[in-house]
Protein backbone atom coordinates (compact mmCIF):
# COMPACT_ATOMS: atom_id res chain seq x y z
CA MET A 1 26.98 -55.67 16.90
CA ILE A 2 29.83 -53.16 17.08
CA LYS A 3 29.65 -51.52 20.60
CA ASN A 4 32.56 -53.53 22.14
CA ILE A 5 34.53 -52.98 18.88
CA ILE A 6 34.23 -49.18 19.09
CA LYS A 7 34.74 -49.03 22.77
CA LYS A 8 38.39 -50.40 22.29
CA LEU A 9 39.35 -47.88 19.79
CA LYS A 10 41.06 -44.91 21.08
CA ASN A 11 40.41 -43.00 17.89
CA LYS A 12 36.84 -41.96 17.41
CA LEU A 13 36.79 -40.65 14.14
CA PHE A 14 35.53 -42.74 11.68
CA LEU A 15 34.74 -42.73 7.74
CA ILE A 16 32.26 -45.23 6.44
CA ALA A 17 32.31 -46.61 2.92
CA TYR A 18 28.77 -46.00 2.30
CA SER A 19 27.12 -47.47 -0.80
CA GLY A 20 23.61 -47.13 0.05
CA GLY A 21 23.36 -51.02 0.36
CA MET A 22 22.07 -53.10 3.18
CA ASP A 23 25.53 -53.77 4.69
CA SER A 24 26.72 -50.10 4.84
CA THR A 25 23.19 -48.80 5.89
CA VAL A 26 23.30 -51.21 9.04
CA LEU A 27 26.75 -50.15 9.72
CA LEU A 28 25.76 -46.46 9.47
CA TYR A 29 22.76 -46.80 12.06
CA GLN A 30 24.66 -48.78 14.19
CA LEU A 31 27.19 -45.97 14.69
CA LEU A 32 24.39 -43.39 14.94
CA LYS A 33 22.92 -45.52 17.63
CA LEU A 34 26.07 -45.77 19.49
CA LYS A 35 26.85 -41.95 19.09
CA LYS A 36 23.67 -41.21 21.41
CA THR A 37 25.31 -42.56 24.26
CA ASN A 38 29.17 -41.73 23.07
CA PRO A 39 28.81 -38.29 21.84
CA ASP A 40 32.71 -38.29 21.37
CA ILE A 41 32.30 -40.27 18.26
CA ASN A 42 32.63 -38.30 14.93
CA ILE A 43 31.06 -39.80 11.65
CA ARG A 44 31.70 -39.09 8.13
CA ALA A 45 30.66 -41.07 5.25
CA ILE A 46 31.77 -41.26 1.62
CA HIS A 47 30.10 -42.57 -1.46
CA ILE A 48 31.46 -43.58 -4.52
CA ASN A 49 29.46 -43.36 -7.74
CA HIS A 50 30.58 -46.20 -10.02
CA ASN A 51 28.45 -44.71 -13.03
CA ILE A 52 28.26 -48.42 -14.27
CA ASN A 53 24.49 -48.24 -14.79
CA ASN A 54 21.64 -45.89 -15.21
CA TYR A 55 20.72 -46.32 -11.52
CA SER A 56 23.92 -44.77 -10.27
CA LYS A 57 22.53 -41.31 -9.81
CA LYS A 58 19.65 -42.44 -8.09
CA TYR A 59 21.84 -44.66 -5.61
CA GLN A 60 23.79 -41.39 -5.00
CA LYS A 61 20.51 -39.27 -4.15
CA HIS A 62 19.50 -42.07 -1.44
CA CYS A 63 22.69 -41.62 0.11
CA ILE A 64 22.64 -37.90 0.21
CA LYS A 65 18.90 -38.10 1.41
CA ILE A 66 19.92 -40.54 4.43
CA CYS A 67 23.09 -38.60 5.19
CA GLU A 68 21.27 -35.04 5.41
CA LYS A 69 18.60 -36.73 7.54
CA ASN A 70 21.03 -38.00 9.88
CA GLN A 71 23.44 -34.95 9.74
CA ILE A 72 26.17 -36.96 8.49
CA PRO A 73 28.95 -35.16 6.25
CA LEU A 74 28.89 -37.01 2.82
CA ILE A 75 31.51 -36.99 0.52
CA ILE A 76 30.62 -38.01 -3.19
CA GLU A 77 33.39 -39.13 -5.34
CA LYS A 78 32.96 -40.48 -9.07
CA ILE A 79 34.52 -43.16 -11.16
CA TYR A 80 34.55 -43.05 -15.10
CA LEU A 81 35.87 -46.36 -16.51
CA THR A 82 36.12 -47.13 -20.11
CA ILE A 83 37.66 -50.71 -19.86
CA THR A 84 35.80 -54.00 -20.17
CA LYS A 85 38.27 -56.51 -18.81
CA ASN A 86 38.92 -56.90 -15.18
CA ILE A 87 36.58 -54.19 -14.43
CA GLU A 88 35.80 -55.47 -10.74
CA SER A 89 39.45 -55.20 -9.71
CA GLU A 90 39.92 -51.84 -11.50
CA LEU A 91 36.62 -50.46 -9.88
CA ARG A 92 38.08 -51.81 -6.40
CA ILE A 93 41.50 -50.20 -7.01
CA GLN A 94 40.15 -46.72 -7.97
CA ARG A 95 37.40 -46.89 -5.21
CA TYR A 96 40.33 -47.28 -2.65
CA ASN A 97 42.41 -44.78 -3.98
CA LEU A 98 39.64 -42.06 -3.85
CA ILE A 99 38.69 -43.07 -0.24
CA TYR A 100 42.37 -42.52 0.84
CA LYS A 101 42.46 -39.34 -0.97
CA ASN A 102 39.52 -38.29 1.52
CA LEU A 103 40.67 -39.86 4.75
CA LEU A 104 41.47 -37.52 7.44
CA ASN A 105 44.58 -37.91 9.94
CA HIS A 106 43.80 -40.58 12.55
CA GLU A 107 40.27 -41.33 11.12
CA ILE A 108 39.43 -45.01 10.43
CA LEU A 109 37.86 -46.27 7.56
CA LEU A 110 34.88 -48.57 8.43
CA THR A 111 33.51 -51.03 5.60
CA GLY A 112 30.46 -53.28 5.86
CA HIS A 113 31.97 -56.31 4.85
CA HIS A 114 30.47 -59.64 6.36
CA LEU A 115 31.10 -63.48 6.56
CA ASN A 116 29.36 -63.77 3.09
CA ASP A 117 31.65 -61.42 1.34
CA GLN A 118 34.89 -63.04 3.19
CA CYS A 119 33.78 -66.57 1.74
CA GLU A 120 33.10 -65.16 -1.75
CA THR A 121 36.60 -63.80 -1.50
CA PHE A 122 38.12 -67.22 -0.46
CA PHE A 123 36.24 -68.82 -3.68
CA LEU A 124 37.78 -66.15 -5.80
CA SER A 125 41.17 -66.80 -4.32
CA LEU A 126 40.93 -70.61 -5.04
CA LYS A 127 39.70 -69.80 -8.50
CA ARG A 128 43.23 -67.62 -9.01
CA GLY A 129 45.34 -70.63 -7.45
CA SER A 130 46.06 -68.42 -4.48
CA GLY A 131 48.55 -69.73 -1.70
CA PRO A 132 48.03 -69.31 2.19
CA THR A 133 48.03 -65.49 1.77
CA GLY A 134 45.26 -65.12 -0.65
CA LEU A 135 43.25 -68.01 1.17
CA SER A 136 43.58 -65.62 4.15
CA GLY A 137 41.06 -63.41 2.70
CA MET A 138 40.42 -59.99 4.25
CA SER A 139 41.57 -59.11 7.49
CA TYR A 140 39.57 -57.74 10.40
CA GLU A 141 41.82 -54.81 10.63
CA THR A 142 44.48 -53.75 7.85
CA ASN A 143 46.88 -50.93 7.74
CA PHE A 144 45.70 -48.18 4.93
CA GLY A 145 48.46 -45.96 4.55
CA LYS A 146 48.91 -44.00 8.02
CA SER A 147 45.32 -45.04 8.99
CA LYS A 148 43.44 -48.34 9.03
CA ILE A 149 40.56 -50.28 7.99
CA ILE A 150 38.33 -52.02 10.05
CA ARG A 151 35.70 -54.52 9.12
CA PRO A 152 33.58 -55.12 12.18
CA PHE A 153 31.03 -57.46 10.39
CA LEU A 154 33.62 -59.59 9.04
CA HIS A 155 32.55 -62.71 11.28
CA ILE A 156 28.52 -62.01 11.06
CA LYS A 157 26.65 -63.73 8.18
CA LYS A 158 24.73 -61.42 5.73
CA LYS A 159 21.41 -62.95 7.21
CA LYS A 160 21.87 -61.69 10.71
CA LEU A 161 22.31 -57.98 9.36
CA GLU A 162 19.31 -58.29 7.22
CA ILE A 163 17.41 -59.23 10.36
CA TRP A 164 18.52 -56.36 12.14
CA ALA A 165 17.81 -53.96 9.26
CA ASN A 166 14.35 -55.15 8.92
CA LYS A 167 13.63 -54.98 12.85
CA ASN A 168 14.84 -51.43 12.74
CA ASN A 169 12.70 -50.42 9.78
CA LEU A 170 15.69 -49.27 7.61
CA ILE A 171 15.71 -48.37 4.12
CA TRP A 172 18.53 -49.34 1.56
CA ILE A 173 19.08 -49.72 -2.10
CA GLN A 174 18.90 -52.90 -4.01
CA ASP A 175 21.98 -52.43 -6.44
CA TYR A 176 20.78 -54.58 -9.57
CA THR A 177 24.39 -55.13 -10.83
CA ASN A 178 24.87 -57.35 -7.70
CA TYR A 179 22.66 -59.96 -9.68
CA ASN A 180 24.69 -60.00 -12.90
CA ILE A 181 26.16 -63.40 -12.90
CA ASN A 182 28.66 -62.26 -15.36
CA TYR A 183 30.87 -60.97 -12.43
CA ASP A 184 32.70 -63.73 -10.75
CA ARG A 185 31.61 -62.58 -7.28
CA ASN A 186 27.83 -62.53 -8.55
CA PHE A 187 28.28 -66.20 -10.00
CA ILE A 188 29.57 -67.30 -6.71
CA ARG A 189 26.98 -65.57 -4.57
CA HIS A 190 24.03 -66.45 -6.54
CA LYS A 191 24.59 -69.97 -7.94
CA ILE A 192 27.41 -71.46 -5.91
CA PHE A 193 26.74 -70.60 -2.22
CA PRO A 194 22.89 -71.61 -2.27
CA ILE A 195 23.82 -75.20 -3.47
CA LEU A 196 26.68 -75.47 -1.04
CA GLU A 197 24.36 -74.15 1.97
CA LYS A 198 21.28 -76.24 1.18
CA LYS A 199 23.72 -79.44 1.27
CA TRP A 200 25.73 -78.04 4.29
CA PRO A 201 24.26 -75.35 6.44
CA PHE A 202 27.39 -74.88 8.18
CA PHE A 203 29.64 -74.31 5.14
CA LEU A 204 30.20 -70.67 5.58
CA LYS A 205 31.38 -70.93 9.09
CA ASN A 206 33.66 -73.60 8.23
CA CYS A 207 35.01 -71.67 5.39
CA PHE A 208 35.62 -68.83 7.57
CA ARG A 209 37.46 -71.24 10.22
CA THR A 210 39.50 -72.31 7.15
CA MET A 211 40.54 -68.82 6.35
CA THR A 212 41.24 -68.16 10.06
CA ILE A 213 43.70 -71.05 10.10
CA CYS A 214 45.24 -70.01 6.94
CA ASN A 215 45.76 -66.45 8.46
CA GLU A 216 47.30 -67.62 11.64
CA GLU A 217 49.63 -69.98 9.61
CA ASN A 218 50.64 -67.15 7.45
CA GLN A 219 51.32 -64.88 10.38
CA LEU A 220 53.65 -67.53 11.71
CA LYS A 221 55.25 -67.82 8.68
CA LYS A 222 55.94 -64.10 8.59
CA ILE A 223 57.30 -64.05 11.84
CA LEU A 224 59.73 -66.78 10.97
CA LEU A 225 60.63 -65.44 7.70
CA ASP A 226 61.22 -61.86 9.23
CA GLU A 227 63.79 -63.34 11.49
CA LYS A 228 65.62 -65.38 8.76
CA ILE A 229 65.73 -62.87 6.06
CA LYS A 230 67.89 -60.61 8.32
CA LYS A 231 70.85 -62.84 7.45
CA PHE A 232 70.55 -61.99 3.87
CA LEU A 233 69.70 -58.34 3.70
CA HIS A 234 72.20 -55.99 2.88
CA PHE A 235 71.16 -52.25 4.43
CA ASN A 236 70.46 -51.17 0.78
CA GLU A 237 67.81 -53.83 0.95
CA CYS A 238 69.14 -56.04 -1.75
CA LEU A 239 68.90 -59.71 -1.05
CA ASN A 240 72.19 -61.66 -0.85
CA ILE A 241 71.64 -64.97 -2.61
CA LYS A 242 75.18 -66.31 -2.27
CA ASN A 243 74.17 -68.79 0.08
CA PHE A 244 70.70 -69.71 -1.24
CA LYS A 245 72.28 -72.79 -2.86
CA ASN A 246 72.58 -74.45 0.36
CA LEU A 247 68.71 -73.97 1.12
CA GLN A 248 65.86 -75.67 0.20
CA GLU A 249 63.82 -74.62 -2.82
CA GLU A 250 60.70 -74.01 -0.79
CA LEU A 251 62.69 -71.95 1.68
CA CYS A 252 64.40 -69.97 -1.13
CA LYS A 253 61.11 -69.07 -2.66
CA SER A 254 59.46 -68.01 0.50
CA LEU A 255 62.36 -65.84 1.22
CA ILE A 256 61.93 -64.30 -2.19
CA ARG A 257 58.47 -63.78 -1.79
CA TYR A 258 58.83 -62.14 1.56
CA TRP A 259 61.50 -59.69 0.41
CA ILE A 260 59.39 -58.72 -2.47
CA SER A 261 56.42 -58.21 -0.02
CA LEU A 262 58.69 -55.67 2.04
CA LYS A 263 58.59 -53.42 -1.07
CA ASN A 264 54.79 -53.03 -0.45
CA ILE A 265 54.14 -54.58 -3.79
CA LYS A 266 51.03 -56.90 -4.57
CA ALA A 267 51.68 -60.48 -3.96
CA LEU A 268 53.21 -62.07 -7.00
CA PRO A 269 51.61 -65.00 -8.62
CA TYR A 270 53.16 -68.63 -7.93
CA LYS A 271 54.56 -68.95 -11.35
CA THR A 272 56.53 -65.46 -11.26
CA ILE A 273 58.29 -66.73 -8.03
CA GLN A 274 59.01 -69.91 -9.60
CA LYS A 275 60.41 -68.10 -12.69
CA ILE A 276 62.75 -66.09 -10.49
CA TYR A 277 63.83 -69.27 -8.68
CA ASP A 278 64.38 -71.21 -12.12
CA GLU A 279 65.89 -68.29 -14.14
CA ILE A 280 68.26 -66.67 -11.44
CA LEU A 281 68.93 -69.06 -8.74
CA CYS A 282 69.30 -72.18 -10.75
CA GLN A 283 71.67 -70.37 -13.08
CA PRO A 284 74.32 -69.03 -10.92
CA LYS A 285 76.82 -68.26 -13.60
CA LYS A 286 74.59 -65.93 -15.48
CA ASN A 287 74.53 -62.35 -14.95
CA ASN A 288 72.48 -59.17 -15.80
CA ILE A 289 69.15 -61.42 -15.74
CA ARG A 290 66.02 -59.39 -15.11
CA ILE A 291 62.35 -60.41 -14.45
CA ILE A 292 59.84 -57.68 -15.33
CA LEU A 293 57.39 -56.78 -13.04
CA LYS A 294 55.07 -54.00 -14.42
CA LYS A 295 56.67 -51.00 -13.43
CA ASN A 296 59.44 -52.75 -11.45
CA GLU A 297 62.12 -55.16 -12.14
CA ILE A 298 64.20 -57.81 -10.32
CA ARG A 299 68.08 -57.96 -11.49
CA LYS A 300 70.66 -59.96 -10.28
CA TYR A 301 74.36 -58.65 -9.85
CA LYS A 302 77.17 -60.25 -7.87
CA ASN A 303 75.32 -62.67 -6.01
CA SER A 304 72.30 -60.26 -5.01
CA LEU A 305 68.80 -59.59 -6.11
CA TYR A 306 67.96 -56.10 -6.61
CA PHE A 307 64.38 -54.62 -6.89
CA ILE A 308 64.31 -51.47 -8.95
CA LYS A 309 61.95 -49.29 -10.50
CA LYS A 310 61.92 -49.20 -14.40
CA GLN A 311 63.44 -45.80 -15.91
CA PRO A 312 63.05 -44.51 -19.42
CA ASN A 313 66.19 -44.79 -21.61
CA ILE A 314 68.29 -41.73 -21.60
CA LYS A 315 71.14 -43.47 -22.99
CA ASN A 316 71.19 -40.97 -26.15
CA LYS A 317 70.07 -38.05 -24.17
CA ILE A 318 72.46 -34.89 -24.22
CA ILE A 319 71.98 -32.06 -21.72
CA PHE A 320 73.86 -28.64 -22.27
CA TRP A 321 75.04 -26.86 -19.39
CA HIS A 322 75.21 -23.29 -20.59
CA ASP A 323 75.04 -21.44 -17.28
CA THR A 324 77.05 -23.01 -14.90
CA ASN A 325 75.81 -20.53 -12.19
CA ASN A 326 72.72 -22.09 -12.19
CA LYS A 327 72.05 -25.80 -11.16
CA LEU A 328 71.44 -28.25 -14.00
CA THR A 329 68.43 -30.79 -13.48
CA LEU A 330 68.85 -34.03 -14.43
CA PRO A 331 66.11 -36.46 -15.91
CA ASN A 332 64.82 -39.58 -14.07
CA ASN A 333 64.82 -38.18 -10.90
CA LEU A 334 68.59 -38.31 -10.76
CA GLY A 335 69.20 -34.85 -8.76
CA TYR A 336 71.06 -31.99 -10.09
CA ILE A 337 74.38 -30.72 -10.75
CA ILE A 338 75.95 -27.68 -9.06
CA LYS A 339 78.96 -25.62 -9.28
CA ASN A 340 80.56 -25.40 -5.68
CA SER A 341 82.07 -22.09 -4.31
CA LYS A 342 84.08 -24.03 -1.68
CA LYS A 343 86.21 -26.79 -1.97
CA GLU A 344 83.61 -29.37 -2.31
CA GLY A 345 82.57 -32.12 -4.97
CA PHE A 346 84.96 -33.02 -7.88
CA ASN A 347 88.02 -30.93 -8.43
CA ILE A 348 88.47 -30.86 -12.33
CA PRO A 349 89.72 -28.85 -15.07
CA ILE A 350 87.88 -26.03 -16.21
CA ALA A 351 86.45 -25.91 -19.54
CA LYS A 352 87.74 -23.58 -22.00
CA LYS A 353 85.74 -20.74 -23.46
CA THR A 354 85.38 -22.67 -26.78
CA GLU A 355 84.31 -25.78 -25.03
CA CYS A 356 80.67 -26.75 -24.65
CA ILE A 357 79.82 -28.05 -21.25
CA ASN A 358 77.45 -31.09 -21.75
CA ILE A 359 76.02 -34.04 -19.75
CA ARG A 360 75.63 -37.51 -21.35
CA PHE A 361 74.76 -40.91 -20.05
CA GLN A 362 76.68 -43.24 -22.08
CA TYR A 363 80.26 -43.84 -23.32
CA LYS A 364 82.21 -46.91 -24.98
CA GLY A 365 85.95 -47.41 -25.18
CA LYS A 366 89.17 -47.38 -23.32
CA ILE A 367 89.82 -44.32 -20.64
CA LEU A 368 92.64 -43.49 -18.29
CA ILE A 369 91.25 -42.42 -15.05
CA LEU A 370 93.09 -40.52 -11.92
CA GLY A 371 94.76 -43.37 -9.68
CA LYS A 372 95.48 -45.59 -12.56
CA ASN A 373 98.65 -46.15 -14.77
CA LYS A 374 96.96 -47.69 -17.78
CA ARG A 375 93.81 -47.27 -19.90
CA GLN A 376 90.87 -49.56 -19.41
CA GLU A 377 87.60 -50.56 -20.72
CA ILE A 378 84.97 -48.27 -19.05
CA LYS A 379 82.98 -51.43 -18.49
CA LYS A 380 85.87 -52.77 -16.18
CA ILE A 381 85.83 -49.39 -14.47
CA TRP A 382 81.98 -49.79 -13.55
CA GLN A 383 82.85 -53.01 -12.47
CA GLU A 384 85.58 -51.95 -9.89
CA TYR A 385 83.27 -49.59 -8.51
CA ASN A 386 80.54 -52.17 -7.97
CA ILE A 387 77.99 -50.12 -10.47
CA PRO A 388 75.42 -52.81 -11.35
CA PRO A 389 74.89 -52.63 -15.39
CA TRP A 390 71.22 -51.08 -15.23
CA LEU A 391 72.66 -48.15 -13.46
CA ARG A 392 75.68 -47.43 -15.67
CA ASN A 393 73.49 -45.41 -17.94
CA GLN A 394 71.97 -43.25 -15.07
CA ILE A 395 75.35 -41.84 -14.05
CA PRO A 396 76.02 -38.17 -15.40
CA LEU A 397 79.04 -38.02 -17.48
CA LEU A 398 80.55 -34.70 -17.89
CA PHE A 399 81.68 -33.75 -21.43
CA TYR A 400 83.77 -30.69 -22.74
CA ASN A 401 82.60 -30.71 -26.55
CA ASN A 402 82.86 -34.47 -27.15
CA GLN A 403 85.73 -35.04 -24.66
CA LEU A 404 84.94 -37.18 -21.53
CA ILE A 405 86.03 -35.34 -18.39
CA SER A 406 84.14 -37.33 -15.40
CA ALA A 407 81.84 -39.77 -14.38
CA LEU A 408 80.59 -37.27 -11.53
CA GLY A 409 80.55 -38.85 -8.30
CA VAL A 410 82.91 -41.85 -9.41
CA PHE A 411 86.06 -40.99 -11.49
CA ILE A 412 88.06 -38.22 -13.26
CA ILE A 413 89.89 -38.70 -16.55
CA ASN A 414 93.42 -38.29 -16.23
CA GLN A 415 94.23 -34.92 -18.25
CA ASN A 416 97.60 -33.70 -19.27
CA LYS A 417 99.43 -31.90 -16.54
CA LYS A 418 99.39 -28.64 -18.78
CA GLU A 419 95.49 -28.67 -18.73
CA GLN A 420 95.14 -29.20 -14.87
CA LYS A 421 96.07 -25.54 -14.03
CA ASN A 422 92.70 -24.06 -13.94
CA LYS A 423 90.24 -25.86 -11.92
CA TRP A 424 86.56 -25.68 -10.44
CA ASN A 425 84.72 -27.85 -8.25
CA ILE A 426 81.21 -29.23 -9.05
CA SER A 427 78.92 -31.77 -7.45
CA TRP A 428 76.21 -34.06 -8.17
CA ILE A 429 73.48 -33.88 -5.50
CA ASN A 430 71.47 -36.98 -5.51
CA TYR A 431 70.09 -39.55 -2.90
CA ILE A 432 72.20 -42.39 -3.92
CA LYS A 433 73.78 -44.39 -1.12
CA THR A 434 76.95 -46.61 -0.74
CA ASP A 435 76.82 -50.35 -0.10
CA TYR A 436 77.92 -52.15 2.93
CA LYS A 437 81.66 -52.25 1.46
CA ASN A 438 81.20 -48.16 0.86
CA LYS A 439 81.13 -48.79 -2.70
CA PHE A 440 79.20 -46.70 -5.12
CA LEU A 441 75.72 -47.99 -5.40
CA PHE A 442 72.20 -46.75 -5.84
CA ASN A 443 68.46 -48.36 -6.19
């Protein structure tokens, strides 16, 4: 079943996701059969012990026994869950994280997913109200970090694998949790599919065809959106929505969804995309709107959308810099501050011996900065430097005692000429970019 697939692959390093069940057992033995005529094939296996019932240890011992018998290196990893909701989803996430941790360079992960699994995924996507992406199901080949996952049995019915397994006298485990219909996938497998296949024997194949069509349409859509979105992306990856008012709603939402997908974020629900459209695009006069996406946020500023990682609030934090000969590390991965020996960085008045040098991240009121002839509210200065509201409390403000001296990397306070004789140079080392207009900006 997999002979031609393996021959086409340049890499011959394979890691099998081995549960000990029928599907992964067939996969294991088919690879072993191929290895007899293709000695360059290297096989390893990984078994994830989910620890969800009393049989878990028994399954693990079975996998160890089979791999030892066939001289296959086996990795054992264990999961311990205490949650009761979304357990299937959480197990899958942890399972793939553990597998990825053990994957070698250039090693391909093989799984035993088959046609029945694919169609179950289709029904689960229908239940969630998924669009074409979700209805496309699993891909035959998927990028997995720097490697890939291949599912060689994806177009083959489970019955065919079972026939091959019995013909070759294979031994596999029966996972009794697969019969627990409290799990959505098991309910579809044991209660829905038997009825559908009895009425329409060709149902699973046609279901797979629908998924293939959805996948092809989805790939075409990606190609078109990839070309279209280039007109709206700034180099710092924010999305320019100034001209979205001239586009149809469907295209706007598709562009937003595709833009978010470029961040390697799990596809957002339809209602979330609709919320972004309704609350941001349909209210052009409103600024500083934010849509929270777990650990991330989507924010609007000056006709652009920004996808940012939520940061802890450090507005009230004060950091003292007692020894200026050593760098001062900043919170929130904002880099560090150093004193320069050469003429680099900001040239500012040096602190007096009686003054305590400290860094803060908040200031309110009017200030007079170098290059200006009148005092301004600091909010206006942030706006002039094109700094979005959510970033203003991430910029280190240099204080001597309680006197603001500089917003490092942005501006310097205009001091009296008498106080400007003795100076020093300091730099804020960070990974901040400037935007396409060379204005201060960072994500």
